[in-house]
C-alpha atoms as a PDB file:
ATOM      1  CA  MET A   1     -14.606  17.365 -41.689  1.00  0.00           C
ATOM      2  CA  ALA A   2     -14.056  21.071 -41.244  1.00  0.00           C
ATOM      3  CA  ASP A   3     -16.975  23.490 -41.313  1.00  0.00           C
ATOM      4  CA  ASP A   4     -16.913  26.822 -43.195  1.00  0.00           C
ATOM      5  CA  PHE A   5     -15.142  28.611 -40.327  1.00  0.00           C
ATOM      6  CA  GLU A   6     -12.328  26.079 -40.210  1.00  0.00           C
ATOM      7  CA  LYS A   7     -12.144  25.897 -44.006  1.00  0.00           C
ATOM      8  CA  ALA A   8     -11.692  29.678 -44.164  1.00  0.00           C
ATOM      9  CA  ILE A   9      -8.816  29.471 -41.694  1.00  0.00           C
ATOM     10  CA  LEU A  10      -7.194  26.575 -43.538  1.00  0.00           C
ATOM     11  CA  ILE A  11      -7.479  28.517 -46.806  1.00  0.00           C
ATOM     12  CA  CYS A  12      -5.856  31.608 -45.259  1.00  0.00           C
ATOM     13  CA  PHE A  13      -3.048  29.548 -43.726  1.00  0.00           C
ATOM     14  CA  ASN A  14      -2.381  27.692 -46.987  1.00  0.00           C
ATOM     15  CA  VAL A  15       1.206  28.345 -48.013  1.00  0.00           C
ATOM     16  CA  THR A  16       1.301  26.187 -51.128  1.00  0.00           C
ATOM     17  CA  GLY A  17      -0.093  28.874 -53.407  1.00  0.00           C
ATOM     18  CA  ALA A  18      -2.675  26.382 -54.653  1.00  0.00           C
ATOM     19  CA  VAL A  19      -5.636  28.480 -53.463  1.00  0.00           C
ATOM     20  CA  ASP A  20      -7.494  30.677 -55.924  1.00  0.00           C
ATOM     21  CA  ALA A  21      -6.952  34.384 -55.170  1.00  0.00           C
ATOM     22  CA  SER A  22     -10.691  35.056 -55.135  1.00  0.00           C
ATOM     23  CA  LEU A  23     -11.283  32.265 -52.628  1.00  0.00           C
ATOM     24  CA  MET A  24      -8.414  33.557 -50.476  1.00  0.00           C
ATOM     25  CA  GLU A  25      -9.947  37.037 -50.538  1.00  0.00           C
ATOM     26  CA  GLN A  26     -13.367  35.676 -49.510  1.00  0.00           C
ATOM     27  CA  ALA A  27     -11.853  33.639 -46.676  1.00  0.00           C
ATOM     28  CA  THR A  28      -9.845  36.632 -45.450  1.00  0.00           C
ATOM     29  CA  ALA A  29     -12.909  38.893 -45.484  1.00  0.00           C
ATOM     30  CA  PHE A  30     -14.944  36.255 -43.643  1.00  0.00           C
ATOM     31  CA  LEU A  31     -12.315  35.925 -40.909  1.00  0.00           C
ATOM     32  CA  ARG A  32     -11.862  39.695 -40.608  1.00  0.00           C
ATOM     33  CA  SER A  33     -15.618  39.989 -40.102  1.00  0.00           C
ATOM     34  CA  PHE A  34     -15.541  37.162 -37.567  1.00  0.00           C
ATOM     35  CA  ARG A  35     -12.792  38.842 -35.529  1.00  0.00           C
ATOM     36  CA  ALA A  36     -14.831  42.050 -35.324  1.00  0.00           C
ATOM     37  CA  SER A  37     -18.008  40.248 -34.267  1.00  0.00           C
ATOM     38  CA  PRO A  38     -19.297  39.967 -30.695  1.00  0.00           C
ATOM     39  CA  GLU A  39     -19.267  36.161 -31.076  1.00  0.00           C
ATOM     40  CA  ALA A  40     -15.504  36.039 -31.647  1.00  0.00           C
ATOM     41  CA  LEU A  41     -14.649  35.649 -27.957  1.00  0.00           C
ATOM     42  CA  ARG A  42     -16.881  32.684 -27.173  1.00  0.00           C
ATOM     43  CA  ALA A  43     -16.429  30.998 -30.546  1.00  0.00           C
ATOM     44  CA  SER A  44     -12.625  31.246 -30.336  1.00  0.00           C
ATOM     45  CA  ILE A  45     -12.584  29.776 -26.836  1.00  0.00           C
ATOM     46  CA  GLU A  46     -14.790  26.888 -27.938  1.00  0.00           C
ATOM     47  CA  ARG A  47     -12.936  26.204 -31.189  1.00  0.00           C
ATOM     48  CA  PHE A  48      -9.516  26.240 -29.557  1.00  0.00           C
ATOM     49  CA  THR A  49     -10.695  23.449 -27.290  1.00  0.00           C
ATOM     50  CA  VAL A  50     -12.444  21.213 -29.823  1.00  0.00           C
ATOM     51  CA  THR A  51     -10.623  21.560 -33.142  1.00  0.00           C
ATOM     52  CA  SER A  52      -7.963  19.139 -34.277  1.00  0.00           C
ATOM     53  CA  PHE A  53      -6.414  21.645 -36.707  1.00  0.00           C
ATOM     54  CA  TRP A  54      -3.360  23.489 -35.374  1.00  0.00           C
ATOM     55  CA  GLU A  55      -4.042  26.361 -37.773  1.00  0.00           C
ATOM     56  CA  VAL A  56      -7.494  26.846 -36.255  1.00  0.00           C
ATOM     57  CA  LYS A  57      -6.078  26.735 -32.729  1.00  0.00           C
ATOM     58  CA  PHE A  58      -3.507  29.367 -33.728  1.00  0.00           C
ATOM     59  CA  PHE A  59      -6.134  31.616 -35.307  1.00  0.00           C
ATOM     60  CA  CYS A  60      -8.322  31.297 -32.207  1.00  0.00           C
ATOM     61  CA  ILE A  61      -5.472  32.211 -29.851  1.00  0.00           C
ATOM     62  CA  GLN A  62      -4.537  35.133 -32.130  1.00  0.00           C
ATOM     63  CA  THR A  63      -8.139  36.322 -32.022  1.00  0.00           C
ATOM     64  CA  LEU A  64      -8.302  35.996 -28.237  1.00  0.00           C
ATOM     65  CA  HIS A  65      -5.024  37.913 -27.930  1.00  0.00           C
ATOM     66  CA  GLU A  66      -6.406  40.676 -30.148  1.00  0.00           C
ATOM     67  CA  ILE A  67      -9.534  40.833 -27.987  1.00  0.00           C
ATOM     68  CA  ALA A  68      -7.473  40.850 -24.773  1.00  0.00           C
ATOM     69  CA  THR A  69      -5.399  43.774 -26.024  1.00  0.00           C
ATOM     70  CA  SER A  70      -8.553  45.749 -26.844  1.00  0.00           C
ATOM     71  CA  PRO A  71     -10.069  46.001 -23.358  1.00  0.00           C
ATOM     72  CA  SER A  72     -12.797  48.369 -24.529  1.00  0.00           C
ATOM     73  CA  ARG A  73     -14.319  45.396 -26.387  1.00  0.00           C
ATOM     74  CA  LEU A  74     -14.770  43.459 -23.155  1.00  0.00           C
ATOM     75  CA  THR A  75     -17.439  43.616 -20.504  1.00  0.00           C
ATOM     76  CA  LYS A  76     -16.539  42.440 -17.012  1.00  0.00           C
ATOM     77  CA  ASP A  77     -18.232  39.107 -17.755  1.00  0.00           C
ATOM     78  CA  ASP A  78     -16.227  38.799 -20.983  1.00  0.00           C
ATOM     79  CA  ARG A  79     -12.968  39.524 -19.125  1.00  0.00           C
ATOM     80  CA  ASP A  80     -13.860  36.893 -16.534  1.00  0.00           C
ATOM     81  CA  LEU A  81     -14.687  34.379 -19.273  1.00  0.00           C
ATOM     82  CA  LEU A  82     -11.438  35.077 -21.133  1.00  0.00           C
ATOM     83  CA  ARG A  83      -9.349  34.805 -17.973  1.00  0.00           C
ATOM     84  CA  ALA A  84     -11.057  31.545 -16.936  1.00  0.00           C
ATOM     85  CA  ALA A  85     -10.582  30.072 -20.412  1.00  0.00           C
ATOM     86  CA  THR A  86      -6.916  31.052 -20.422  1.00  0.00           C
ATOM     87  CA  GLU A  87      -6.449  29.454 -17.008  1.00  0.00           C
ATOM     88  CA  ARG A  88      -8.005  26.263 -18.437  1.00  0.00           C
ATOM     89  CA  PHE A  89      -5.696  26.412 -21.465  1.00  0.00           C
ATOM     90  CA  LEU A  90      -2.710  26.702 -19.122  1.00  0.00           C
ATOM     91  CA  ALA A  91      -3.865  23.975 -16.733  1.00  0.00           C
ATOM     92  CA  ARG A  92      -5.156  21.530 -19.334  1.00  0.00           C
ATOM     93  CA  ASP A  93      -3.990  22.056 -22.912  1.00  0.00           C
ATOM     94  CA  CYS A  94      -0.476  23.243 -22.134  1.00  0.00           C
ATOM     95  CA  LEU A  95       0.313  20.354 -19.790  1.00  0.00           C
ATOM     96  CA  ILE A  96      -0.439  17.601 -22.302  1.00  0.00           C
ATOM     97  CA  THR A  97       2.624  15.698 -23.438  1.00  0.00           C
ATOM     98  CA  GLY A  98       3.154  13.196 -26.216  1.00  0.00           C
ATOM     99  CA  ALA A  99       1.009  12.973 -29.331  1.00  0.00           C
ATOM    100  CA  GLY A 100      -1.631  15.476 -28.181  1.00  0.00           C
ATOM    101  CA  ALA A 101       0.813  18.127 -26.979  1.00  0.00           C
ATOM    102  CA  LEU A 102       0.489  21.645 -28.324  1.00  0.00           C
ATOM    103  CA  PRO A 103       3.395  22.599 -30.582  1.00  0.00           C
ATOM    104  CA  PRO A 104       5.832  25.193 -29.181  1.00  0.00           C
ATOM    105  CA  TYR A 105       4.431  28.056 -31.280  1.00  0.00           C
ATOM    106  CA  LEU A 106       0.934  27.499 -29.832  1.00  0.00           C
ATOM    107  CA  ARG A 107       2.300  27.277 -26.307  1.00  0.00           C
ATOM    108  CA  ALA A 108       4.106  30.583 -26.918  1.00  0.00           C
ATOM    109  CA  LYS A 109       0.855  32.163 -28.167  1.00  0.00           C
ATOM    110  CA  VAL A 110      -0.969  30.955 -25.040  1.00  0.00           C
ATOM    111  CA  ALA A 111       1.806  32.568 -22.970  1.00  0.00           C
ATOM    112  CA  GLN A 112       1.371  35.844 -24.883  1.00  0.00           C
ATOM    113  CA  LEU A 113      -2.390  35.693 -24.358  1.00  0.00           C
ATOM    114  CA  THR A 114      -1.854  35.071 -20.651  1.00  0.00           C
ATOM    115  CA  VAL A 115       0.403  38.118 -20.367  1.00  0.00           C
ATOM    116  CA  ALA A 116      -2.019  40.288 -22.355  1.00  0.00           C
ATOM    117  CA  ILE A 117      -4.697  39.419 -19.800  1.00  0.00           C
ATOM    118  CA  LEU A 118      -2.253  39.925 -16.929  1.00  0.00           C
ATOM    119  CA  ARG A 119      -1.520  43.448 -18.198  1.00  0.00           C
ATOM    120  CA  GLU A 120      -5.178  44.360 -17.648  1.00  0.00           C
ATOM    121  CA  GLU A 121      -5.987  42.244 -14.588  1.00  0.00           C
ATOM    122  CA  TYR A 122      -2.992  42.320 -12.233  1.00  0.00           C
ATOM    123  CA  PRO A 123      -2.467  43.339  -9.471  1.00  0.00           C
ATOM    124  CA  GLY A 124      -5.675  45.174  -8.599  1.00  0.00           C
ATOM    125  CA  GLY A 125      -7.971  43.667 -11.183  1.00  0.00           C
ATOM    126  CA  GLY A 126      -9.593  40.313 -11.493  1.00  0.00           C
ATOM    127  CA  TRP A 127      -6.520  38.078 -11.207  1.00  0.00           C
ATOM    128  CA  PRO A 128      -4.687  38.945  -7.972  1.00  0.00           C
ATOM    129  CA  SER A 129      -3.557  35.318  -7.581  1.00  0.00           C
ATOM    130  CA  PHE A 130      -1.818  35.188 -10.970  1.00  0.00           C
ATOM    131  CA  PHE A 131       1.662  34.240  -9.774  1.00  0.00           C
ATOM    132  CA  ALA A 132       0.340  31.716  -7.255  1.00  0.00           C
ATOM    133  CA  ASP A 133      -1.827  30.176  -9.987  1.00  0.00           C
ATOM    134  CA  LEU A 134       1.155  30.022 -12.326  1.00  0.00           C
ATOM    135  CA  ALA A 135       3.359  28.389  -9.688  1.00  0.00           C
ATOM    136  CA  ALA A 136       0.585  25.874  -8.923  1.00  0.00           C
ATOM    137  CA  LEU A 137       1.039  24.441 -12.428  1.00  0.00           C
ATOM    138  CA  LEU A 138       4.521  23.149 -11.619  1.00  0.00           C
ATOM    139  CA  PRO A 139       3.626  20.139  -9.442  1.00  0.00           C
ATOM    140  CA  LYS A 140       0.879  19.118 -11.885  1.00  0.00           C
ATOM    141  CA  GLY A 141       2.691  18.891 -15.170  1.00  0.00           C
ATOM    142  CA  GLY A 142       6.384  18.144 -14.846  1.00  0.00           C
ATOM    143  CA  ALA A 143       8.524  19.327 -17.744  1.00  0.00           C
ATOM    144  CA  ALA A 144       5.521  20.576 -19.749  1.00  0.00           C
ATOM    145  CA  ALA A 145       4.459  22.790 -16.835  1.00  0.00           C
ATOM    146  CA  ALA A 146       7.988  24.087 -16.293  1.00  0.00           C
ATOM    147  CA  ASP A 147       8.239  24.917 -20.001  1.00  0.00           C
ATOM    148  CA  MET A 148       4.914  26.755 -19.908  1.00  0.00           C
ATOM    149  CA  VAL A 149       5.805  28.727 -16.776  1.00  0.00           C
ATOM    150  CA  ILE A 150       9.091  29.755 -18.392  1.00  0.00           C
ATOM    151  CA  LYS A 151       7.269  30.808 -21.586  1.00  0.00           C
ATOM    152  CA  VAL A 152       4.910  32.977 -19.523  1.00  0.00           C
ATOM    153  CA  LEU A 153       7.786  34.526 -17.556  1.00  0.00           C
ATOM    154  CA  VAL A 154       9.716  35.265 -20.762  1.00  0.00           C
ATOM    155  CA  SER A 155       6.592  36.821 -22.238  1.00  0.00           C
ATOM    156  CA  ILE A 156       6.201  38.957 -19.096  1.00  0.00           C
ATOM    157  CA  ASP A 157       9.800  40.091 -19.496  1.00  0.00           C
ATOM    158  CA  GLU A 158       9.345  40.870 -23.188  1.00  0.00           C
ATOM    159  CA  ASP A 159       5.893  42.444 -23.004  1.00  0.00           C
ATOM    160  CA  LEU A 160       5.627  44.060 -19.571  1.00  0.00           C
ATOM    161  CA  ALA A 161       9.083  44.815 -18.228  1.00  0.00           C
ATOM    162  CA  PRO A 162      10.184  48.268 -19.361  1.00  0.00           C
ATOM    163  CA  SER A 163      12.747  47.947 -22.125  1.00  0.00           C
ATOM    164  CA  ASP A 164      14.795  50.827 -20.708  1.00  0.00           C
ATOM    165  CA  SER A 165      15.313  48.917 -17.441  1.00  0.00           C
ATOM    166  CA  ARG A 166      16.745  45.979 -19.429  1.00  0.00           C
ATOM    167  CA  ALA A 167      18.994  48.373 -21.341  1.00  0.00           C
ATOM    168  CA  ALA A 168      20.157  49.995 -18.086  1.00  0.00           C
ATOM    169  CA  ALA A 169      20.873  46.586 -16.555  1.00  0.00           C
ATOM    170  CA  ALA A 170      22.843  45.549 -19.646  1.00  0.00           C
ATOM    171  CA  ALA A 171      24.839  48.786 -19.567  1.00  0.00           C
ATOM    172  CA  ALA A 172      25.653  48.306 -15.880  1.00  0.00           C
ATOM    173  CA  ALA A 173      26.901  44.754 -16.462  1.00  0.00           C
END
């Protein structure tokens, strides 16, 4: 059974309209407070790994992405923890196939999180081996690994590559 944290997420992700507005407001305020808390990083990493609810996994990855794109919130130890957790998500969770596989939208969010970290850490930061680490996934996970590597590369193109260089390339073609 879900605890209060997971219940709040499930309430906020409820699209049926069957949730009382007051309860929705309480759940939203609770989660907003959680995201701003110092515990959000560690709790989101843990919950992503252990929960069986896709909505909770999505919320956790969203929270981690928000944290990653606010580098002033992170100490060096926090950055190292976030990078290591993301590497584990890539090497473990994103390579699962069959019934336990992450749905495409979660795999895309993990790719976006990876690129948000890359923006801060590569090349001179704490992840100089990023591309080698990414390529090392390929022999381990078959089609799931290839899909994940492509999602990360697309996210790099969308998030990091200057949009004017894409426009110039399109104009030249």
